[in-house]
Amino acid sequence: MQWMEASMLVLNYLLGGFFTGYWIIRLKDGRDLRTLGSGNAGARNAGRSLIGAVRFYMV
């Protein structure tokens, strides 16, 4: 069972580095989040750059 826990740790580590807001804006509008708003790829800047219900999927 230890291999399962180790693989979950690695998977969670990799998913933690995945900027959801960046990819949603990139796929939806084709824009680069780092060129919008404050220039940060964080959730607050992505929330400001998105419109409507799409903000829900970002978080």
PDB file of N, CA and C in Angstrom:
ATOM      1  N   MET A   1       0.810  -1.201   0.000  1.00  0.00           N
ATOM      2  CA  MET A   1       0.000   0.000   0.000  1.00  0.00           C
ATOM      3  C   MET A   1       0.856   1.269   0.000  1.00  0.00           C
ATOM      4  N   GLN A   2       2.128   1.148   0.333  1.00  0.00           N
ATOM      5  CA  GLN A   2       2.980   2.329   0.364  1.00  0.00           C
ATOM      6  C   GLN A   2       3.228   2.899  -1.031  1.00  0.00           C
ATOM      7  N   TRP A   3       3.262   2.056  -2.050  1.00  0.00           N
ATOM      8  CA  TRP A   3       3.460   2.557  -3.405  1.00  0.00           C
ATOM      9  C   TRP A   3       2.267   3.402  -3.840  1.00  0.00           C
ATOM     10  N   MET A   4       1.079   3.050  -3.360  1.00  0.00           N
ATOM     11  CA  MET A   4      -0.126   3.822  -3.695  1.00  0.00           C
ATOM     12  C   MET A   4      -0.060   5.212  -3.053  1.00  0.00           C
ATOM     13  N   GLU A   5       0.360   5.265  -1.813  1.00  0.00           N
ATOM     14  CA  GLU A   5       0.494   6.554  -1.140  1.00  0.00           C
ATOM     15  C   GLU A   5       1.569   7.411  -1.792  1.00  0.00           C
ATOM     16  N   ALA A   6       2.669   6.797  -2.160  1.00  0.00           N
ATOM     17  CA  ALA A   6       3.749   7.535  -2.817  1.00  0.00           C
ATOM     18  C   ALA A   6       3.299   8.070  -4.170  1.00  0.00           C
ATOM     19  N   SER A   7       2.569   7.270  -4.923  1.00  0.00           N
ATOM     20  CA  SER A   7       2.098   7.730  -6.229  1.00  0.00           C
ATOM     21  C   SER A   7       1.069   8.848  -6.078  1.00  0.00           C
ATOM     22  N   MET A   8       0.256   8.796  -5.033  1.00  0.00           N
ATOM     23  CA  MET A   8      -0.712   9.871  -4.786  1.00  0.00           C
ATOM     24  C   MET A   8      -0.001  11.162  -4.405  1.00  0.00           C
ATOM     25  N   LEU A   9       1.068  11.054  -3.635  1.00  0.00           N
ATOM     26  CA  LEU A   9       1.847  12.238  -3.282  1.00  0.00           C
ATOM     27  C   LEU A   9       2.441  12.890  -4.523  1.00  0.00           C
ATOM     28  N   VAL A  10       2.997  12.101  -5.410  1.00  0.00           N
ATOM     29  CA  VAL A  10       3.589  12.629  -6.639  1.00  0.00           C
ATOM     30  C   VAL A  10       2.516  13.259  -7.518  1.00  0.00           C
ATOM     31  N   LEU A  11       1.388  12.581  -7.651  1.00  0.00           N
ATOM     32  CA  LEU A  11       0.295  13.113  -8.467  1.00  0.00           C
ATOM     33  C   LEU A  11      -0.220  14.431  -7.907  1.00  0.00           C
ATOM     34  N   ASN A  12      -0.425  14.506  -6.604  1.00  0.00           N
ATOM     35  CA  ASN A  12      -0.909  15.741  -5.980  1.00  0.00           C
ATOM     36  C   ASN A  12       0.109  16.866  -6.101  1.00  0.00           C
ATOM     37  N   TYR A  13       1.377  16.532  -6.014  1.00  0.00           N
ATOM     38  CA  TYR A  13       2.428  17.534  -6.191  1.00  0.00           C
ATOM     39  C   TYR A  13       2.372  18.119  -7.599  1.00  0.00           C
ATOM     40  N   LEU A  14       2.220  17.264  -8.598  1.00  0.00           N
ATOM     41  CA  LEU A  14       2.160  17.731  -9.982  1.00  0.00           C
ATOM     42  C   LEU A  14       0.899  18.545 -10.252  1.00  0.00           C
ATOM     43  N   LEU A  15      -0.230  18.118  -9.705  1.00  0.00           N
ATOM     44  CA  LEU A  15      -1.474  18.864  -9.895  1.00  0.00           C
ATOM     45  C   LEU A  15      -1.447  20.208  -9.182  1.00  0.00           C
ATOM     46  N   GLY A  16      -0.698  20.300  -8.096  1.00  0.00           N
ATOM     47  CA  GLY A  16      -0.587  21.561  -7.369  1.00  0.00           C
ATOM     48  C   GLY A  16       0.129  22.634  -8.157  1.00  0.00           C
ATOM     49  N   GLY A  17       0.958  22.250  -9.092  1.00  0.00           N
ATOM     50  CA  GLY A  17       1.667  23.205  -9.924  1.00  0.00           C
ATOM     51  C   GLY A  17       0.920  23.576 -11.193  1.00  0.00           C
ATOM     52  N   PHE A  18      -0.283  23.090 -11.349  1.00  0.00           N
ATOM     53  CA  PHE A  18      -1.099  23.327 -12.536  1.00  0.00           C
ATOM     54  C   PHE A  18      -1.942  24.576 -12.325  1.00  0.00           C
ATOM     55  N   PHE A  19      -1.668  25.648 -13.064  1.00  0.00           N
ATOM     56  CA  PHE A  19      -2.407  26.905 -12.926  1.00  0.00           C
ATOM     57  C   PHE A  19      -3.702  26.822 -13.717  1.00  0.00           C
ATOM     58  N   THR A  20      -4.772  26.483 -13.032  1.00  0.00           N
ATOM     59  CA  THR A  20      -6.064  26.291 -13.680  1.00  0.00           C
ATOM     60  C   THR A  20      -6.539  27.558 -14.378  1.00  0.00           C
ATOM     61  N   GLY A  21      -6.437  28.679 -13.703  1.00  0.00           N
ATOM     62  CA  GLY A  21      -6.892  29.939 -14.289  1.00  0.00           C
ATOM     63  C   GLY A  21      -6.146  30.289 -15.561  1.00  0.00           C
ATOM     64  N   TYR A  22      -4.850  30.047 -15.561  1.00  0.00           N
ATOM     65  CA  TYR A  22      -4.046  30.327 -16.751  1.00  0.00           C
ATOM     66  C   TYR A  22      -4.537  29.517 -17.944  1.00  0.00           C
ATOM     67  N   TRP A  23      -4.746  28.225 -17.736  1.00  0.00           N
ATOM     68  CA  TRP A  23      -5.144  27.361 -18.848  1.00  0.00           C
ATOM     69  C   TRP A  23      -6.581  27.602 -19.283  1.00  0.00           C
ATOM     70  N   ILE A  24      -7.476  27.946 -18.362  1.00  0.00           N
ATOM     71  CA  ILE A  24      -8.858  28.246 -18.759  1.00  0.00           C
ATOM     72  C   ILE A  24      -8.892  29.473 -19.653  1.00  0.00           C
ATOM     73  N   ILE A  25      -8.172  30.526 -19.262  1.00  0.00           N
ATOM     74  CA  ILE A  25      -8.155  31.737 -20.084  1.00  0.00           C
ATOM     75  C   ILE A  25      -7.451  31.475 -21.409  1.00  0.00           C
ATOM     76  N   ARG A  26      -6.375  30.691 -21.380  1.00  0.00           N
ATOM     77  CA  ARG A  26      -5.638  30.385 -22.602  1.00  0.00           C
ATOM     78  C   ARG A  26      -6.509  29.604 -23.588  1.00  0.00           C
ATOM     79  N   LEU A  27      -7.255  28.626 -23.091  1.00  0.00           N
ATOM     80  CA  LEU A  27      -8.094  27.810 -23.970  1.00  0.00           C
ATOM     81  C   LEU A  27      -9.369  28.533 -24.392  1.00  0.00           C
ATOM     82  N   LYS A  28      -9.932  29.340 -23.493  1.00  0.00           N
ATOM     83  CA  LYS A  28     -11.194  30.020 -23.786  1.00  0.00           C
ATOM     84  C   LYS A  28     -11.009  31.209 -24.728  1.00  0.00           C
ATOM     85  N   ASP A  29     -10.056  32.073 -24.398  1.00  0.00           N
ATOM     86  CA  ASP A  29      -9.888  33.315 -25.151  1.00  0.00           C
ATOM     87  C   ASP A  29      -8.617  33.367 -25.993  1.00  0.00           C
ATOM     88  N   GLY A  30      -7.670  32.483 -25.710  1.00  0.00           N
ATOM     89  CA  GLY A  30      -6.412  32.526 -26.423  1.00  0.00           C
ATOM     90  C   GLY A  30      -5.464  33.596 -25.903  1.00  0.00           C
ATOM     91  N   ARG A  31      -5.819  34.212 -24.769  1.00  0.00           N
ATOM     92  CA  ARG A  31      -4.984  35.269 -24.197  1.00  0.00           C
ATOM     93  C   ARG A  31      -4.035  34.680 -23.155  1.00  0.00           C
ATOM     94  N   ASP A  32      -2.957  35.392 -22.896  1.00  0.00           N
ATOM     95  CA  ASP A  32      -1.991  34.985 -21.875  1.00  0.00           C
ATOM     96  C   ASP A  32      -2.325  35.729 -20.590  1.00  0.00           C
ATOM     97  N   LEU A  33      -2.624  35.000 -19.529  1.00  0.00           N
ATOM     98  CA  LEU A  33      -3.027  35.603 -18.258  1.00  0.00           C
ATOM     99  C   LEU A  33      -1.944  36.511 -17.703  1.00  0.00           C
ATOM    100  N   ARG A  34      -0.692  36.203 -17.970  1.00  0.00           N
ATOM    101  CA  ARG A  34       0.397  36.999 -17.420  1.00  0.00           C
ATOM    102  C   ARG A  34       0.506  38.372 -18.058  1.00  0.00           C
ATOM    103  N   THR A  35      -0.204  38.600 -19.162  1.00  0.00           N
ATOM    104  CA  THR A  35      -0.200  39.924 -19.786  1.00  0.00           C
ATOM    105  C   THR A  35      -1.432  40.728 -19.406  1.00  0.00           C
ATOM    106  N   LEU A  36      -2.320  40.155 -18.624  1.00  0.00           N
ATOM    107  CA  LEU A  36      -3.550  40.822 -18.209  1.00  0.00           C
ATOM    108  C   LEU A  36      -3.449  41.277 -16.754  1.00  0.00           C
ATOM    109  N   GLY A  37      -4.161  42.325 -16.420  1.00  0.00           N
ATOM    110  CA  GLY A  37      -4.255  42.767 -15.030  1.00  0.00           C
ATOM    111  C   GLY A  37      -2.909  43.047 -14.398  1.00  0.00           C
ATOM    112  N   SER A  38      -2.647  42.397 -13.274  1.00  0.00           N
ATOM    113  CA  SER A  38      -1.418  42.639 -12.517  1.00  0.00           C
ATOM    114  C   SER A  38      -0.215  41.903 -13.098  1.00  0.00           C
ATOM    115  N   GLY A  39      -0.422  41.008 -14.044  1.00  0.00           N
ATOM    116  CA  GLY A  39       0.672  40.251 -14.639  1.00  0.00           C
ATOM    117  C   GLY A  39       1.006  38.983 -13.885  1.00  0.00           C
ATOM    118  N   ASN A  40       0.251  38.706 -12.834  1.00  0.00           N
ATOM    119  CA  ASN A  40       0.466  37.504 -12.033  1.00  0.00           C
ATOM    120  C   ASN A  40      -0.420  36.384 -12.569  1.00  0.00           C
ATOM    121  N   ALA A  41       0.040  35.137 -12.484  1.00  0.00           N
ATOM    122  CA  ALA A  41      -0.754  33.994 -12.958  1.00  0.00           C
ATOM    123  C   ALA A  41      -1.608  33.407 -11.843  1.00  0.00           C
ATOM    124  N   GLY A  42      -1.837  34.160 -10.787  1.00  0.00           N
ATOM    125  CA  GLY A  42      -2.598  33.663  -9.642  1.00  0.00           C
ATOM    126  C   GLY A  42      -4.102  33.720  -9.831  1.00  0.00           C
ATOM    127  N   ALA A  43      -4.807  33.189  -8.843  1.00  0.00           N
ATOM    128  CA  ALA A  43      -6.264  33.075  -8.917  1.00  0.00           C
ATOM    129  C   ALA A  43      -6.956  34.436  -8.895  1.00  0.00           C
ATOM    130  N   ARG A  44      -6.439  35.383  -8.155  1.00  0.00           N
ATOM    131  CA  ARG A  44      -7.089  36.704  -8.088  1.00  0.00           C
ATOM    132  C   ARG A  44      -7.043  37.400  -9.445  1.00  0.00           C
ATOM    133  N   ASN A  45      -5.920  37.385 -10.091  1.00  0.00           N
ATOM    134  CA  ASN A  45      -5.816  38.009 -11.406  1.00  0.00           C
ATOM    135  C   ASN A  45      -6.679  37.275 -12.426  1.00  0.00           C
ATOM    136  N   ALA A  46      -6.722  35.960 -12.346  1.00  0.00           N
ATOM    137  CA  ALA A  46      -7.558  35.194 -13.270  1.00  0.00           C
ATOM    138  C   ALA A  46      -9.031  35.504 -13.034  1.00  0.00           C
ATOM    139  N   GLY A  47      -9.439  35.630 -11.779  1.00  0.00           N
ATOM    140  CA  GLY A  47     -10.823  35.969 -11.464  1.00  0.00           C
ATOM    141  C   GLY A  47     -11.215  37.326 -11.998  1.00  0.00           C
ATOM    142  N   ARG A  48     -10.297  38.269 -11.946  1.00  0.00           N
ATOM    143  CA  ARG A  48     -10.581  39.605 -12.486  1.00  0.00           C
ATOM    144  C   ARG A  48     -10.676  39.579 -14.007  1.00  0.00           C
ATOM    145  N   SER A  49      -9.923  38.703 -14.624  1.00  0.00           N
ATOM    146  CA  SER A  49      -9.869  38.663 -16.089  1.00  0.00           C
ATOM    147  C   SER A  49     -11.005  37.850 -16.704  1.00  0.00           C
ATOM    148  N   LEU A  50     -11.627  36.986 -15.912  1.00  0.00           N
ATOM    149  CA  LEU A  50     -12.712  36.148 -16.422  1.00  0.00           C
ATOM    150  C   LEU A  50     -14.053  36.825 -16.225  1.00  0.00           C
ATOM    151  N   ILE A  51     -15.019  36.384 -17.008  1.00  0.00           N
ATOM    152  CA  ILE A  51     -16.361  36.963 -16.937  1.00  0.00           C
ATOM    153  C   ILE A  51     -17.346  35.870 -16.546  1.00  0.00           C
ATOM    154  N   GLY A  52     -18.235  36.170 -15.612  1.00  0.00           N
ATOM    155  CA  GLY A  52     -19.368  35.307 -15.295  1.00  0.00           C
ATOM    156  C   GLY A  52     -19.038  33.991 -14.639  1.00  0.00           C
ATOM    157  N   ALA A  53     -19.738  32.942 -15.089  1.00  0.00           N
ATOM    158  CA  ALA A  53     -19.699  31.636 -14.443  1.00  0.00           C
ATOM    159  C   ALA A  53     -18.377  30.910 -14.638  1.00  0.00           C
ATOM    160  N   VAL A  54     -17.539  31.370 -15.537  1.00  0.00           N
ATOM    161  CA  VAL A  54     -16.273  30.690 -15.771  1.00  0.00           C
ATOM    162  C   VAL A  54     -15.372  30.819 -14.542  1.00  0.00           C
ATOM    163  N   ARG A  55     -15.557  31.843 -13.740  1.00  0.00           N
ATOM    164  CA  ARG A  55     -14.764  32.022 -12.517  1.00  0.00           C
ATOM    165  C   ARG A  55     -14.900  30.825 -11.585  1.00  0.00           C
ATOM    166  N   PHE A  56     -16.070  30.202 -11.558  1.00  0.00           N
ATOM    167  CA  PHE A  56     -16.307  29.062 -10.672  1.00  0.00           C
ATOM    168  C   PHE A  56     -15.365  27.919 -10.984  1.00  0.00           C
ATOM    169  N   TYR A  57     -15.120  27.634 -12.237  1.00  0.00           N
ATOM    170  CA  TYR A  57     -14.268  26.518 -12.632  1.00  0.00           C
ATOM    171  C   TYR A  57     -12.802  26.758 -12.327  1.00  0.00           C
ATOM    172  N   MET A  58     -12.418  28.015 -12.220  1.00  0.00           N
ATOM    173  CA  MET A  58     -11.038  28.345 -11.972  1.00  0.00           C
ATOM    174  C   MET A  58     -10.609  27.903 -10.581  1.00  0.00           C
ATOM    175  N   VAL A  59     -11.461  28.057  -9.614  1.00  0.00           N
ATOM    176  CA  VAL A  59     -11.108  27.716  -8.241  1.00  0.00           C
ATOM    177  C   VAL A  59     -11.408  26.263  -8.028  1.00  0.00           C
TER     178      VAL A  59
END
